[in-house]
Amino acid sequence: LRKIAHNARTLVDLYGSNGIKVSGVTKAICGHSEIVATLINSGIKTLG
């Protein structure tokens, strides 16, 4: 989860620097609750 959080925060900041919001796609993880919570805590507000 630590590595997933790092990746998510880095991408949120990267794309956000130019006004693009990141929607996190959860299909590959089958909506796994702990991973999803990590995405939300990393600044992702939309889950697809």
ModelCIF file with pLDDT and N, C-alpha, C, O atoms, coordinates in Angstrom:
data_MODEL
#
_entry.id   MODEL 
#
_entity.id                         1 
_entity.type                       polymer 
_entity.pdbx_number_of_molecules   1 
#
_entity_poly.entity_id                      1 
_entity_poly.type                           'polypeptide(L)' 
_entity_poly.nstd_linkage                   no 
_entity_poly.nstd_monomer                   no 
_entity_poly.pdbx_seq_one_letter_code       LRKIAHNARTLVDLYGSNGIKVSGVTKAICGHSEIVATLINSGIKTLG 
_entity_poly.pdbx_seq_one_letter_code_can   LRKIAHNARTLVDLYGSNGIKVSGVTKAICGHSEIVATLINSGIKTLG 
_entity_poly.pdbx_strand_id                 A 
#
loop_
_entity_poly_seq.entity_id 
_entity_poly_seq.num 
_entity_poly_seq.mon_id 
_entity_poly_seq.hetero 
1 1  LEU n 
1 2  ARG n 
1 3  LYS n 
1 4  ILE n 
1 5  ALA n 
1 6  HIS n 
1 7  ASN n 
1 8  ALA n 
1 9  ARG n 
1 10 THR n 
1 11 LEU n 
1 12 VAL n 
1 13 ASP n 
1 14 LEU n 
1 15 TYR n 
1 16 GLY n 
1 17 SER n 
1 18 ASN n 
1 19 GLY n 
1 20 ILE n 
1 21 LYS n 
1 22 VAL n 
1 23 SER n 
1 24 GLY n 
1 25 VAL n 
1 26 THR n 
1 27 LYS n 
1 28 ALA n 
1 29 ILE n 
1 30 CYS n 
1 31 GLY n 
1 32 HIS n 
1 33 SER n 
1 34 GLU n 
1 35 ILE n 
1 36 VAL n 
1 37 ALA n 
1 38 THR n 
1 39 LEU n 
1 40 ILE n 
1 41 ASN n 
1 42 SER n 
1 43 GLY n 
1 44 ILE n 
1 45 LYS n 
1 46 THR n 
1 47 LEU n 
1 48 GLY n 
#
_struct_asym.id          A 
_struct_asym.entity_id   1 
#
loop_
_ma_qa_metric.id 
_ma_qa_metric.mode 
_ma_qa_metric.name 
_ma_qa_metric.software_group_id 
_ma_qa_metric.type 
1 global pLDDT . pLDDT 
2 local  pLDDT . pLDDT 
#
_ma_qa_metric_global.metric_id      1 
_ma_qa_metric_global.metric_value   98.04 
_ma_qa_metric_global.model_id       1 
_ma_qa_metric_global.ordinal_id     1 
#
loop_
_ma_qa_metric_local.label_asym_id 
_ma_qa_metric_local.label_comp_id 
_ma_qa_metric_local.label_seq_id 
_ma_qa_metric_local.metric_id 
_ma_qa_metric_local.metric_value 
_ma_qa_metric_local.model_id 
_ma_qa_metric_local.ordinal_id 
A LEU 1  2 98.00 1 1  
A ARG 2  2 98.00 1 2  
A LYS 3  2 98.00 1 3  
A ILE 4  2 98.00 1 4  
A ALA 5  2 98.00 1 5  
A HIS 6  2 98.00 1 6  
A ASN 7  2 99.00 1 7  
A ALA 8  2 99.00 1 8  
A ARG 9  2 98.00 1 9  
A THR 10 2 98.00 1 10 
A LEU 11 2 99.00 1 11 
A VAL 12 2 98.00 1 12 
A ASP 13 2 98.00 1 13 
A LEU 14 2 98.00 1 14 
A TYR 15 2 98.00 1 15 
A GLY 16 2 98.00 1 16 
A SER 17 2 98.00 1 17 
A ASN 18 2 98.00 1 18 
A GLY 19 2 98.00 1 19 
A ILE 20 2 98.00 1 20 
A LYS 21 2 98.00 1 21 
A VAL 22 2 98.00 1 22 
A SER 23 2 98.00 1 23 
A GLY 24 2 98.00 1 24 
A VAL 25 2 98.00 1 25 
A THR 26 2 98.00 1 26 
A LYS 27 2 98.00 1 27 
A ALA 28 2 98.00 1 28 
A ILE 29 2 98.00 1 29 
A CYS 30 2 98.00 1 30 
A GLY 31 2 98.00 1 31 
A HIS 32 2 98.00 1 32 
A SER 33 2 97.00 1 33 
A GLU 34 2 98.00 1 34 
A ILE 35 2 98.00 1 35 
A VAL 36 2 98.00 1 36 
A ALA 37 2 98.00 1 37 
A THR 38 2 98.00 1 38 
A LEU 39 2 98.00 1 39 
A ILE 40 2 98.00 1 40 
A ASN 41 2 98.00 1 41 
A SER 42 2 98.00 1 42 
A GLY 43 2 98.00 1 43 
A ILE 44 2 98.00 1 44 
A LYS 45 2 98.00 1 45 
A THR 46 2 98.00 1 46 
A LEU 47 2 98.00 1 47 
A GLY 48 2 98.00 1 48 
#
loop_
_atom_site.group_PDB 
_atom_site.id 
_atom_site.type_symbol 
_atom_site.label_atom_id 
_atom_site.label_alt_id 
_atom_site.label_comp_id 
_atom_site.label_asym_id 
_atom_site.label_entity_id 
_atom_site.label_seq_id 
_atom_site.pdbx_PDB_ins_code 
_atom_site.Cartn_x 
_atom_site.Cartn_y 
_atom_site.Cartn_z 
_atom_site.occupancy 
_atom_site.B_iso_or_equiv 
_atom_site.pdbx_formal_charge 
_atom_site.auth_seq_id 
_atom_site.auth_comp_id 
_atom_site.auth_asym_id 
_atom_site.auth_atom_id 
_atom_site.pdbx_PDB_model_num 
ATOM 1   N N  . LEU A 1 1  ? 0.816   -1.215 0.000   1.00 98.00 ? 1  LEU A N  1 
ATOM 2   C CA . LEU A 1 1  ? 0.000   0.000  0.000   1.00 98.00 ? 1  LEU A CA 1 
ATOM 3   C C  . LEU A 1 1  ? 0.850   1.265  0.000   1.00 98.00 ? 1  LEU A C  1 
ATOM 4   O O  . LEU A 1 1  ? 0.455   2.277  -0.579  1.00 98.00 ? 1  LEU A O  1 
ATOM 5   N N  . ARG A 1 2  ? 2.013   1.214  0.645   1.00 98.00 ? 2  ARG A N  1 
ATOM 6   C CA . ARG A 1 2  ? 2.886   2.391  0.679   1.00 98.00 ? 2  ARG A CA 1 
ATOM 7   C C  . ARG A 1 2  ? 3.327   2.777  -0.734  1.00 98.00 ? 2  ARG A C  1 
ATOM 8   O O  . ARG A 1 2  ? 3.357   3.959  -1.077  1.00 98.00 ? 2  ARG A O  1 
ATOM 9   N N  . LYS A 1 3  ? 3.664   1.791  -1.540  1.00 98.00 ? 3  LYS A N  1 
ATOM 10  C CA . LYS A 1 3  ? 4.102   2.078  -2.906  1.00 98.00 ? 3  LYS A CA 1 
ATOM 11  C C  . LYS A 1 3  ? 2.934   2.559  -3.773  1.00 98.00 ? 3  LYS A C  1 
ATOM 12  O O  . LYS A 1 3  ? 3.104   3.436  -4.620  1.00 98.00 ? 3  LYS A O  1 
ATOM 13  N N  . ILE A 1 4  ? 1.757   1.984  -3.557  1.00 98.00 ? 4  ILE A N  1 
ATOM 14  C CA . ILE A 1 4  ? 0.579   2.433  -4.301  1.00 98.00 ? 4  ILE A CA 1 
ATOM 15  C C  . ILE A 1 4  ? 0.256   3.884  -3.946  1.00 98.00 ? 4  ILE A C  1 
ATOM 16  O O  . ILE A 1 4  ? -0.053  4.693  -4.820  1.00 98.00 ? 4  ILE A O  1 
ATOM 17  N N  . ALA A 1 5  ? 0.333   4.203  -2.646  1.00 98.00 ? 5  ALA A N  1 
ATOM 18  C CA . ALA A 1 5  ? 0.069   5.576  -2.204  1.00 98.00 ? 5  ALA A CA 1 
ATOM 19  C C  . ALA A 1 5  ? 1.060   6.550  -2.831  1.00 98.00 ? 5  ALA A C  1 
ATOM 20  O O  . ALA A 1 5  ? 0.680   7.629  -3.286  1.00 98.00 ? 5  ALA A O  1 
ATOM 21  N N  . HIS A 1 6  ? 2.319   6.165  -2.852  1.00 98.00 ? 6  HIS A N  1 
ATOM 22  C CA . HIS A 1 6  ? 3.346   7.028  -3.468  1.00 98.00 ? 6  HIS A CA 1 
ATOM 23  C C  . HIS A 1 6  ? 3.028   7.278  -4.940  1.00 98.00 ? 6  HIS A C  1 
ATOM 24  O O  . HIS A 1 6  ? 3.068   8.418  -5.404  1.00 98.00 ? 6  HIS A O  1 
ATOM 25  N N  . ASN A 1 7  ? 2.716   6.220  -5.665  1.00 99.00 ? 7  ASN A N  1 
ATOM 26  C CA . ASN A 1 7  ? 2.392   6.374  -7.090  1.00 99.00 ? 7  ASN A CA 1 
ATOM 27  C C  . ASN A 1 7  ? 1.179   7.268  -7.286  1.00 99.00 ? 7  ASN A C  1 
ATOM 28  O O  . ASN A 1 7  ? 1.183   8.156  -8.138  1.00 99.00 ? 7  ASN A O  1 
ATOM 29  N N  . ALA A 1 8  ? 0.132   7.028  -6.488  1.00 99.00 ? 8  ALA A N  1 
ATOM 30  C CA . ALA A 1 8  ? -1.097  7.814  -6.641  1.00 99.00 ? 8  ALA A CA 1 
ATOM 31  C C  . ALA A 1 8  ? -0.844  9.290  -6.353  1.00 99.00 ? 8  ALA A C  1 
ATOM 32  O O  . ALA A 1 8  ? -1.265  10.153 -7.123  1.00 99.00 ? 8  ALA A O  1 
ATOM 33  N N  . ARG A 1 9  ? -0.158  9.586  -5.247  1.00 98.00 ? 9  ARG A N  1 
ATOM 34  C CA . ARG A 1 9  ? 0.116   10.992 -4.900  1.00 98.00 ? 9  ARG A CA 1 
ATOM 35  C C  . ARG A 1 9  ? 0.982   11.665 -5.955  1.00 98.00 ? 9  ARG A C  1 
ATOM 36  O O  . ARG A 1 9  ? 0.754   12.822 -6.307  1.00 98.00 ? 9  ARG A O  1 
ATOM 37  N N  . THR A 1 10 ? 1.969   10.943 -6.458  1.00 98.00 ? 10 THR A N  1 
ATOM 38  C CA . THR A 1 10 ? 2.860   11.508 -7.469  1.00 98.00 ? 10 THR A CA 1 
ATOM 39  C C  . THR A 1 10 ? 2.090   11.862 -8.740  1.00 98.00 ? 10 THR A C  1 
ATOM 40  O O  . THR A 1 10 ? 2.311   12.924 -9.321  1.00 98.00 ? 10 THR A O  1 
ATOM 41  N N  . LEU A 1 11 ? 1.193   10.985 -9.171  1.00 99.00 ? 11 LEU A N  1 
ATOM 42  C CA . LEU A 1 11 ? 0.424   11.238 -10.389 1.00 99.00 ? 11 LEU A CA 1 
ATOM 43  C C  . LEU A 1 11 ? -0.635  12.319 -10.179 1.00 99.00 ? 11 LEU A C  1 
ATOM 44  O O  . LEU A 1 11 ? -0.881  13.129 -11.073 1.00 99.00 ? 11 LEU A O  1 
ATOM 45  N N  . VAL A 1 12 ? -1.257  12.335 -9.011  1.00 98.00 ? 12 VAL A N  1 
ATOM 46  C CA . VAL A 1 12 ? -2.207  13.408 -8.702  1.00 98.00 ? 12 VAL A CA 1 
ATOM 47  C C  . VAL A 1 12 ? -1.503  14.762 -8.771  1.00 98.00 ? 12 VAL A C  1 
ATOM 48  O O  . VAL A 1 12 ? -2.053  15.718 -9.316  1.00 98.00 ? 12 VAL A O  1 
ATOM 49  N N  . ASP A 1 13 ? -0.305  14.847 -8.227  1.00 98.00 ? 13 ASP A N  1 
ATOM 50  C CA . ASP A 1 13 ? 0.446   16.111 -8.254  1.00 98.00 ? 13 ASP A CA 1 
ATOM 51  C C  . ASP A 1 13 ? 0.922   16.439 -9.668  1.00 98.00 ? 13 ASP A C  1 
ATOM 52  O O  . ASP A 1 13 ? 0.856   17.591 -10.097 1.00 98.00 ? 13 ASP A O  1 
ATOM 53  N N  . LEU A 1 14 ? 1.401   15.424 -10.391 1.00 98.00 ? 14 LEU A N  1 
ATOM 54  C CA . LEU A 1 14 ? 1.906   15.654 -11.741 1.00 98.00 ? 14 LEU A CA 1 
ATOM 55  C C  . LEU A 1 14 ? 0.818   16.216 -12.648 1.00 98.00 ? 14 LEU A C  1 
ATOM 56  O O  . LEU A 1 14 ? 0.994   17.273 -13.253 1.00 98.00 ? 14 LEU A O  1 
ATOM 57  N N  . TYR A 1 15 ? -0.297  15.514 -12.742 1.00 98.00 ? 15 TYR A N  1 
ATOM 58  C CA . TYR A 1 15 ? -1.365  15.970 -13.645 1.00 98.00 ? 15 TYR A CA 1 
ATOM 59  C C  . TYR A 1 15 ? -2.068  17.203 -13.089 1.00 98.00 ? 15 TYR A C  1 
ATOM 60  O O  . TYR A 1 15 ? -2.498  18.077 -13.842 1.00 98.00 ? 15 TYR A O  1 
ATOM 61  N N  . GLY A 1 16 ? -2.179  17.264 -11.757 1.00 98.00 ? 16 GLY A N  1 
ATOM 62  C CA . GLY A 1 16 ? -2.819  18.421 -11.152 1.00 98.00 ? 16 GLY A CA 1 
ATOM 63  C C  . GLY A 1 16 ? -2.072  19.713 -11.376 1.00 98.00 ? 16 GLY A C  1 
ATOM 64  O O  . GLY A 1 16 ? -2.660  20.794 -11.332 1.00 98.00 ? 16 GLY A O  1 
ATOM 65  N N  . SER A 1 17 ? -0.764  19.606 -11.619 1.00 98.00 ? 17 SER A N  1 
ATOM 66  C CA . SER A 1 17 ? 0.033   20.812 -11.878 1.00 98.00 ? 17 SER A CA 1 
ATOM 67  C C  . SER A 1 17 ? -0.416  21.536 -13.133 1.00 98.00 ? 17 SER A C  1 
ATOM 68  O O  . SER A 1 17 ? -0.105  22.712 -13.324 1.00 98.00 ? 17 SER A O  1 
ATOM 69  N N  . ASN A 1 18 ? -1.148  20.837 -13.989 1.00 98.00 ? 18 ASN A N  1 
ATOM 70  C CA . ASN A 1 18 ? -1.655  21.470 -15.215 1.00 98.00 ? 18 ASN A CA 1 
ATOM 71  C C  . ASN A 1 18 ? -3.172  21.365 -15.298 1.00 98.00 ? 18 ASN A C  1 
ATOM 72  O O  . ASN A 1 18 ? -3.756  21.415 -16.380 1.00 98.00 ? 18 ASN A O  1 
ATOM 73  N N  . GLY A 1 19 ? -3.797  21.221 -14.132 1.00 98.00 ? 19 GLY A N  1 
ATOM 74  C CA . GLY A 1 19 ? -5.256  21.312 -14.080 1.00 98.00 ? 19 GLY A CA 1 
ATOM 75  C C  . GLY A 1 19 ? -6.015  20.058 -14.446 1.00 98.00 ? 19 GLY A C  1 
ATOM 76  O O  . GLY A 1 19 ? -7.212  20.129 -14.724 1.00 98.00 ? 19 GLY A O  1 
ATOM 77  N N  . ILE A 1 20 ? -5.358  18.909 -14.456 1.00 98.00 ? 20 ILE A N  1 
ATOM 78  C CA . ILE A 1 20 ? -6.040  17.659 -14.801 1.00 98.00 ? 20 ILE A CA 1 
ATOM 79  C C  . ILE A 1 20 ? -6.260  16.839 -13.532 1.00 98.00 ? 20 ILE A C  1 
ATOM 80  O O  . ILE A 1 20 ? -5.326  16.582 -12.773 1.00 98.00 ? 20 ILE A O  1 
ATOM 81  N N  . LYS A 1 21 ? -7.507  16.435 -13.317 1.00 98.00 ? 21 LYS A N  1 
ATOM 82  C CA . LYS A 1 21 ? -7.881  15.618 -12.176 1.00 98.00 ? 21 LYS A CA 1 
ATOM 83  C C  . LYS A 1 21 ? -7.691  14.143 -12.523 1.00 98.00 ? 21 LYS A C  1 
ATOM 84  O O  . LYS A 1 21 ? -7.919  13.728 -13.659 1.00 98.00 ? 21 LYS A O  1 
ATOM 85  N N  . VAL A 1 22 ? -7.273  13.362 -11.537 1.00 98.00 ? 22 VAL A N  1 
ATOM 86  C CA . VAL A 1 22 ? -7.100  11.923 -11.716 1.00 98.00 ? 22 VAL A CA 1 
ATOM 87  C C  . VAL A 1 22 ? -8.318  11.188 -11.175 1.00 98.00 ? 22 VAL A C  1 
ATOM 88  O O  . VAL A 1 22 ? -8.683  11.350 -10.011 1.00 98.00 ? 22 VAL A O  1 
ATOM 89  N N  . SER A 1 23 ? -8.941  10.382 -12.019 1.00 98.00 ? 23 SER A N  1 
ATOM 90  C CA . SER A 1 23 ? -9.966  9.441  -11.575 1.00 98.00 ? 23 SER A CA 1 
ATOM 91  C C  . SER A 1 23 ? -9.299  8.076  -11.446 1.00 98.00 ? 23 SER A C  1 
ATOM 92  O O  . SER A 1 23 ? -8.685  7.596  -12.399 1.00 98.00 ? 23 SER A O  1 
ATOM 93  N N  . GLY A 1 24 ? -9.411  7.454  -10.291 1.00 98.00 ? 24 GLY A N  1 
ATOM 94  C CA . GLY A 1 24 ? -8.758  6.170  -10.067 1.00 98.00 ? 24 GLY A CA 1 
ATOM 95  C C  . GLY A 1 24 ? -9.602  5.019  -10.580 1.00 98.00 ? 24 GLY A C  1 
ATOM 96  O O  . GLY A 1 24 ? -10.774 4.887  -10.229 1.00 98.00 ? 24 GLY A O  1 
ATOM 97  N N  . VAL A 1 25 ? -8.995  4.189  -11.415 1.00 98.00 ? 25 VAL A N  1 
ATOM 98  C CA . VAL A 1 25 ? -9.704  3.041  -12.003 1.00 98.00 ? 25 VAL A CA 1 
ATOM 99  C C  . VAL A 1 25 ? -9.465  1.816  -11.118 1.00 98.00 ? 25 VAL A C  1 
ATOM 100 O O  . VAL A 1 25 ? -8.325  1.395  -10.920 1.00 98.00 ? 25 VAL A O  1 
ATOM 101 N N  . THR A 1 26 ? -10.543 1.255  -10.595 1.00 98.00 ? 26 THR A N  1 
ATOM 102 C CA . THR A 1 26 ? -10.441 0.193  -9.589  1.00 98.00 ? 26 THR A CA 1 
ATOM 103 C C  . THR A 1 26 ? -10.775 -1.192 -10.125 1.00 98.00 ? 26 THR A C  1 
ATOM 104 O O  . THR A 1 26 ? -10.836 -2.142 -9.345  1.00 98.00 ? 26 THR A O  1 
ATOM 105 N N  . LYS A 1 27 ? -10.995 -1.339 -11.430 1.00 98.00 ? 27 LYS A N  1 
ATOM 106 C CA . LYS A 1 27 ? -11.426 -2.645 -11.944 1.00 98.00 ? 27 LYS A CA 1 
ATOM 107 C C  . LYS A 1 27 ? -10.348 -3.710 -11.769 1.00 98.00 ? 27 LYS A C  1 
ATOM 108 O O  . LYS A 1 27 ? -10.672 -4.862 -11.480 1.00 98.00 ? 27 LYS A O  1 
ATOM 109 N N  . ALA A 1 28 ? -9.075  -3.354 -11.938 1.00 98.00 ? 28 ALA A N  1 
ATOM 110 C CA . ALA A 1 28 ? -8.012  -4.362 -11.853 1.00 98.00 ? 28 ALA A CA 1 
ATOM 111 C C  . ALA A 1 28 ? -7.841  -4.883 -10.441 1.00 98.00 ? 28 ALA A C  1 
ATOM 112 O O  . ALA A 1 28 ? -7.324  -5.983 -10.245 1.00 98.00 ? 28 ALA A O  1 
ATOM 113 N N  . ILE A 1 29 ? -8.267  -4.113 -9.458  1.00 98.00 ? 29 ILE A N  1 
ATOM 114 C CA . ILE A 1 29 ? -8.137  -4.543 -8.063  1.00 98.00 ? 29 ILE A CA 1 
ATOM 115 C C  . ILE A 1 29 ? -9.468  -5.019 -7.503  1.00 98.00 ? 29 ILE A C  1 
ATOM 116 O O  . ILE A 1 29 ? -9.581  -5.307 -6.311  1.00 98.00 ? 29 ILE A O  1 
ATOM 117 N N  . CYS A 1 30 ? -10.481 -5.101 -8.374  1.00 98.00 ? 30 CYS A N  1 
ATOM 118 C CA . CYS A 1 30 ? -11.813 -5.603 -7.988  1.00 98.00 ? 30 CYS A CA 1 
ATOM 119 C C  . CYS A 1 30 ? -12.398 -4.808 -6.817  1.00 98.00 ? 30 CYS A C  1 
ATOM 120 O O  . CYS A 1 30 ? -13.119 -5.364 -5.988  1.00 98.00 ? 30 CYS A O  1 
ATOM 121 N N  . GLY A 1 31 ? -12.094 -3.535 -6.749  1.00 98.00 ? 31 GLY A N  1 
ATOM 122 C CA . GLY A 1 31 ? -12.628 -2.687 -5.691  1.00 98.00 ? 31 GLY A CA 1 
ATOM 123 C C  . GLY A 1 31 ? -12.130 -3.038 -4.307  1.00 98.00 ? 31 GLY A C  1 
ATOM 124 O O  . GLY A 1 31 ? -12.829 -2.789 -3.325  1.00 98.00 ? 31 GLY A O  1 
ATOM 125 N N  . HIS A 1 32 ? -10.939 -3.612 -4.197  1.00 98.00 ? 32 HIS A N  1 
ATOM 126 C CA . HIS A 1 32 ? -10.355 -4.027 -2.913  1.00 98.00 ? 32 HIS A CA 1 
ATOM 127 C C  . HIS A 1 32 ? -10.354 -2.844 -1.934  1.00 98.00 ? 32 HIS A C  1 
ATOM 128 O O  . HIS A 1 32 ? -9.775  -1.796 -2.221  1.00 98.00 ? 32 HIS A O  1 
ATOM 129 N N  . SER A 1 33 ? -11.000 -3.020 -0.788  1.00 97.00 ? 33 SER A N  1 
ATOM 130 C CA . SER A 1 33 ? -11.283 -1.897 0.114   1.00 97.00 ? 33 SER A CA 1 
ATOM 131 C C  . SER A 1 33 ? -10.034 -1.174 0.597   1.00 97.00 ? 33 SER A C  1 
ATOM 132 O O  . SER A 1 33 ? -9.999  0.057  0.600   1.00 97.00 ? 33 SER A O  1 
ATOM 133 N N  . GLU A 1 34 ? -9.008  -1.916 1.007   1.00 98.00 ? 34 GLU A N  1 
ATOM 134 C CA . GLU A 1 34 ? -7.808  -1.265 1.549   1.00 98.00 ? 34 GLU A CA 1 
ATOM 135 C C  . GLU A 1 34 ? -7.050  -0.506 0.464   1.00 98.00 ? 34 GLU A C  1 
ATOM 136 O O  . GLU A 1 34 ? -6.500  0.566  0.720   1.00 98.00 ? 34 GLU A O  1 
ATOM 137 N N  . ILE A 1 35 ? -7.020  -1.060 -0.746  1.00 98.00 ? 35 ILE A N  1 
ATOM 138 C CA . ILE A 1 35 ? -6.350  -0.344 -1.836  1.00 98.00 ? 35 ILE A CA 1 
ATOM 139 C C  . ILE A 1 35 ? -7.139  0.906  -2.197  1.00 98.00 ? 35 ILE A C  1 
ATOM 140 O O  . ILE A 1 35 ? -6.562  1.969  -2.423  1.00 98.00 ? 35 ILE A O  1 
ATOM 141 N N  . VAL A 1 36 ? -8.455  0.773  -2.252  1.00 98.00 ? 36 VAL A N  1 
ATOM 142 C CA . VAL A 1 36 ? -9.312  1.911  -2.588  1.00 98.00 ? 36 VAL A CA 1 
ATOM 143 C C  . VAL A 1 36 ? -9.169  3.015  -1.550  1.00 98.00 ? 36 VAL A C  1 
ATOM 144 O O  . VAL A 1 36 ? -9.089  4.192  -1.899  1.00 98.00 ? 36 VAL A O  1 
ATOM 145 N N  . ALA A 1 37 ? -9.137  2.639  -0.275  1.00 98.00 ? 37 ALA A N  1 
ATOM 146 C CA . ALA A 1 37 ? -8.948  3.639  0.779   1.00 98.00 ? 37 ALA A CA 1 
ATOM 147 C C  . ALA A 1 37 ? -7.614  4.360  0.614   1.00 98.00 ? 37 ALA A C  1 
ATOM 148 O O  . ALA A 1 37 ? -7.510  5.554  0.892   1.00 98.00 ? 37 ALA A O  1 
ATOM 149 N N  . THR A 1 38 ? -6.603  3.635  0.164   1.00 98.00 ? 38 THR A N  1 
ATOM 150 C CA . THR A 1 38 ? -5.293  4.234  -0.092  1.00 98.00 ? 38 THR A CA 1 
ATOM 151 C C  . THR A 1 38 ? -5.383  5.273  -1.205  1.00 98.00 ? 38 THR A C  1 
ATOM 152 O O  . THR A 1 38 ? -4.776  6.339  -1.110  1.00 98.00 ? 38 THR A O  1 
ATOM 153 N N  . LEU A 1 39 ? -6.131  4.969  -2.250  1.00 98.00 ? 39 LEU A N  1 
ATOM 154 C CA . LEU A 1 39 ? -6.311  5.930  -3.350  1.00 98.00 ? 39 LEU A CA 1 
ATOM 155 C C  . LEU A 1 39 ? -6.981  7.205  -2.849  1.00 98.00 ? 39 LEU A C  1 
ATOM 156 O O  . LEU A 1 39 ? -6.552  8.313  -3.173  1.00 98.00 ? 39 LEU A O  1 
ATOM 157 N N  . ILE A 1 40 ? -8.031  7.037  -2.057  1.00 98.00 ? 40 ILE A N  1 
ATOM 158 C CA . ILE A 1 40 ? -8.762  8.206  -1.557  1.00 98.00 ? 40 ILE A CA 1 
ATOM 159 C C  . ILE A 1 40 ? -7.871  9.049  -0.647  1.00 98.00 ? 40 ILE A C  1 
ATOM 160 O O  . ILE A 1 40 ? -7.873  10.277 -0.732  1.00 98.00 ? 40 ILE A O  1 
ATOM 161 N N  . ASN A 1 41 ? -7.118  8.392  0.213   1.00 98.00 ? 41 ASN A N  1 
ATOM 162 C CA . ASN A 1 41 ? -6.214  9.112  1.116   1.00 98.00 ? 41 ASN A CA 1 
ATOM 163 C C  . ASN A 1 41 ? -5.070  9.795  0.371   1.00 98.00 ? 41 ASN A C  1 
ATOM 164 O O  . ASN A 1 41 ? -4.403  10.679 0.907   1.00 98.00 ? 41 ASN A O  1 
ATOM 165 N N  . SER A 1 42 ? -4.855  9.369  -0.877  1.00 98.00 ? 42 SER A N  1 
ATOM 166 C CA . SER A 1 42 ? -3.789  9.960  -1.693  1.00 98.00 ? 42 SER A CA 1 
ATOM 167 C C  . SER A 1 42 ? -4.295  11.084 -2.582  1.00 98.00 ? 42 SER A C  1 
ATOM 168 O O  . SER A 1 42 ? -3.560  11.584 -3.433  1.00 98.00 ? 42 SER A O  1 
ATOM 169 N N  . GLY A 1 43 ? -5.549  11.484 -2.391  1.00 98.00 ? 43 GLY A N  1 
ATOM 170 C CA . GLY A 1 43 ? -6.069  12.650 -3.104  1.00 98.00 ? 43 GLY A CA 1 
ATOM 171 C C  . GLY A 1 43 ? -6.975  12.345 -4.278  1.00 98.00 ? 43 GLY A C  1 
ATOM 172 O O  . GLY A 1 43 ? -7.342  13.258 -5.018  1.00 98.00 ? 43 GLY A O  1 
ATOM 173 N N  . ILE A 1 44 ? -7.345  11.092 -4.472  1.00 98.00 ? 44 ILE A N  1 
ATOM 174 C CA . ILE A 1 44 ? -8.239  10.721 -5.578  1.00 98.00 ? 44 ILE A CA 1 
ATOM 175 C C  . ILE A 1 44 ? -9.665  10.685 -5.051  1.00 98.00 ? 44 ILE A C  1 
ATOM 176 O O  . ILE A 1 44 ? -9.957  9.971  -4.092  1.00 98.00 ? 44 ILE A O  1 
ATOM 177 N N  . LYS A 1 45 ? -10.553 11.451 -5.674  1.00 98.00 ? 45 LYS A N  1 
ATOM 178 C CA . LYS A 1 45 ? -11.919 11.577 -5.185  1.00 98.00 ? 45 LYS A CA 1 
ATOM 179 C C  . LYS A 1 45 ? -12.941 10.840 -6.057  1.00 98.00 ? 45 LYS A C  1 
ATOM 180 O O  . LYS A 1 45 ? -14.041 10.538 -5.594  1.00 98.00 ? 45 LYS A O  1 
ATOM 181 N N  . THR A 1 46 ? -12.592 10.550 -7.304  1.00 98.00 ? 46 THR A N  1 
ATOM 182 C CA . THR A 1 46 ? -13.486 9.812  -8.190  1.00 98.00 ? 46 THR A CA 1 
ATOM 183 C C  . THR A 1 46 ? -12.912 8.430  -8.432  1.00 98.00 ? 46 THR A C  1 
ATOM 184 O O  . THR A 1 46 ? -11.743 8.289  -8.789  1.00 98.00 ? 46 THR A O  1 
ATOM 185 N N  . LEU A 1 47 ? -13.740 7.406  -8.237  1.00 98.00 ? 47 LEU A N  1 
ATOM 186 C CA . LEU A 1 47 ? -13.349 6.024  -8.482  1.00 98.00 ? 47 LEU A CA 1 
ATOM 187 C C  . LEU A 1 47 ? -14.162 5.487  -9.649  1.00 98.00 ? 47 LEU A C  1 
ATOM 188 O O  . LEU A 1 47 ? -15.392 5.520  -9.635  1.00 98.00 ? 47 LEU A O  1 
ATOM 189 N N  . GLY A 1 48 ? -13.457 4.992  -10.658 1.00 98.00 ? 48 GLY A N  1 
ATOM 190 C CA . GLY A 1 48 ? -14.116 4.461  -11.840 1.00 98.00 ? 48 GLY A CA 1 
ATOM 191 C C  . GLY A 1 48 ? -13.939 2.963  -11.935 1.00 98.00 ? 48 GLY A C  1 
ATOM 192 O O  . GLY A 1 48 ? -14.433 2.342  -12.877 1.00 98.00 ? 48 GLY A O  1 
#
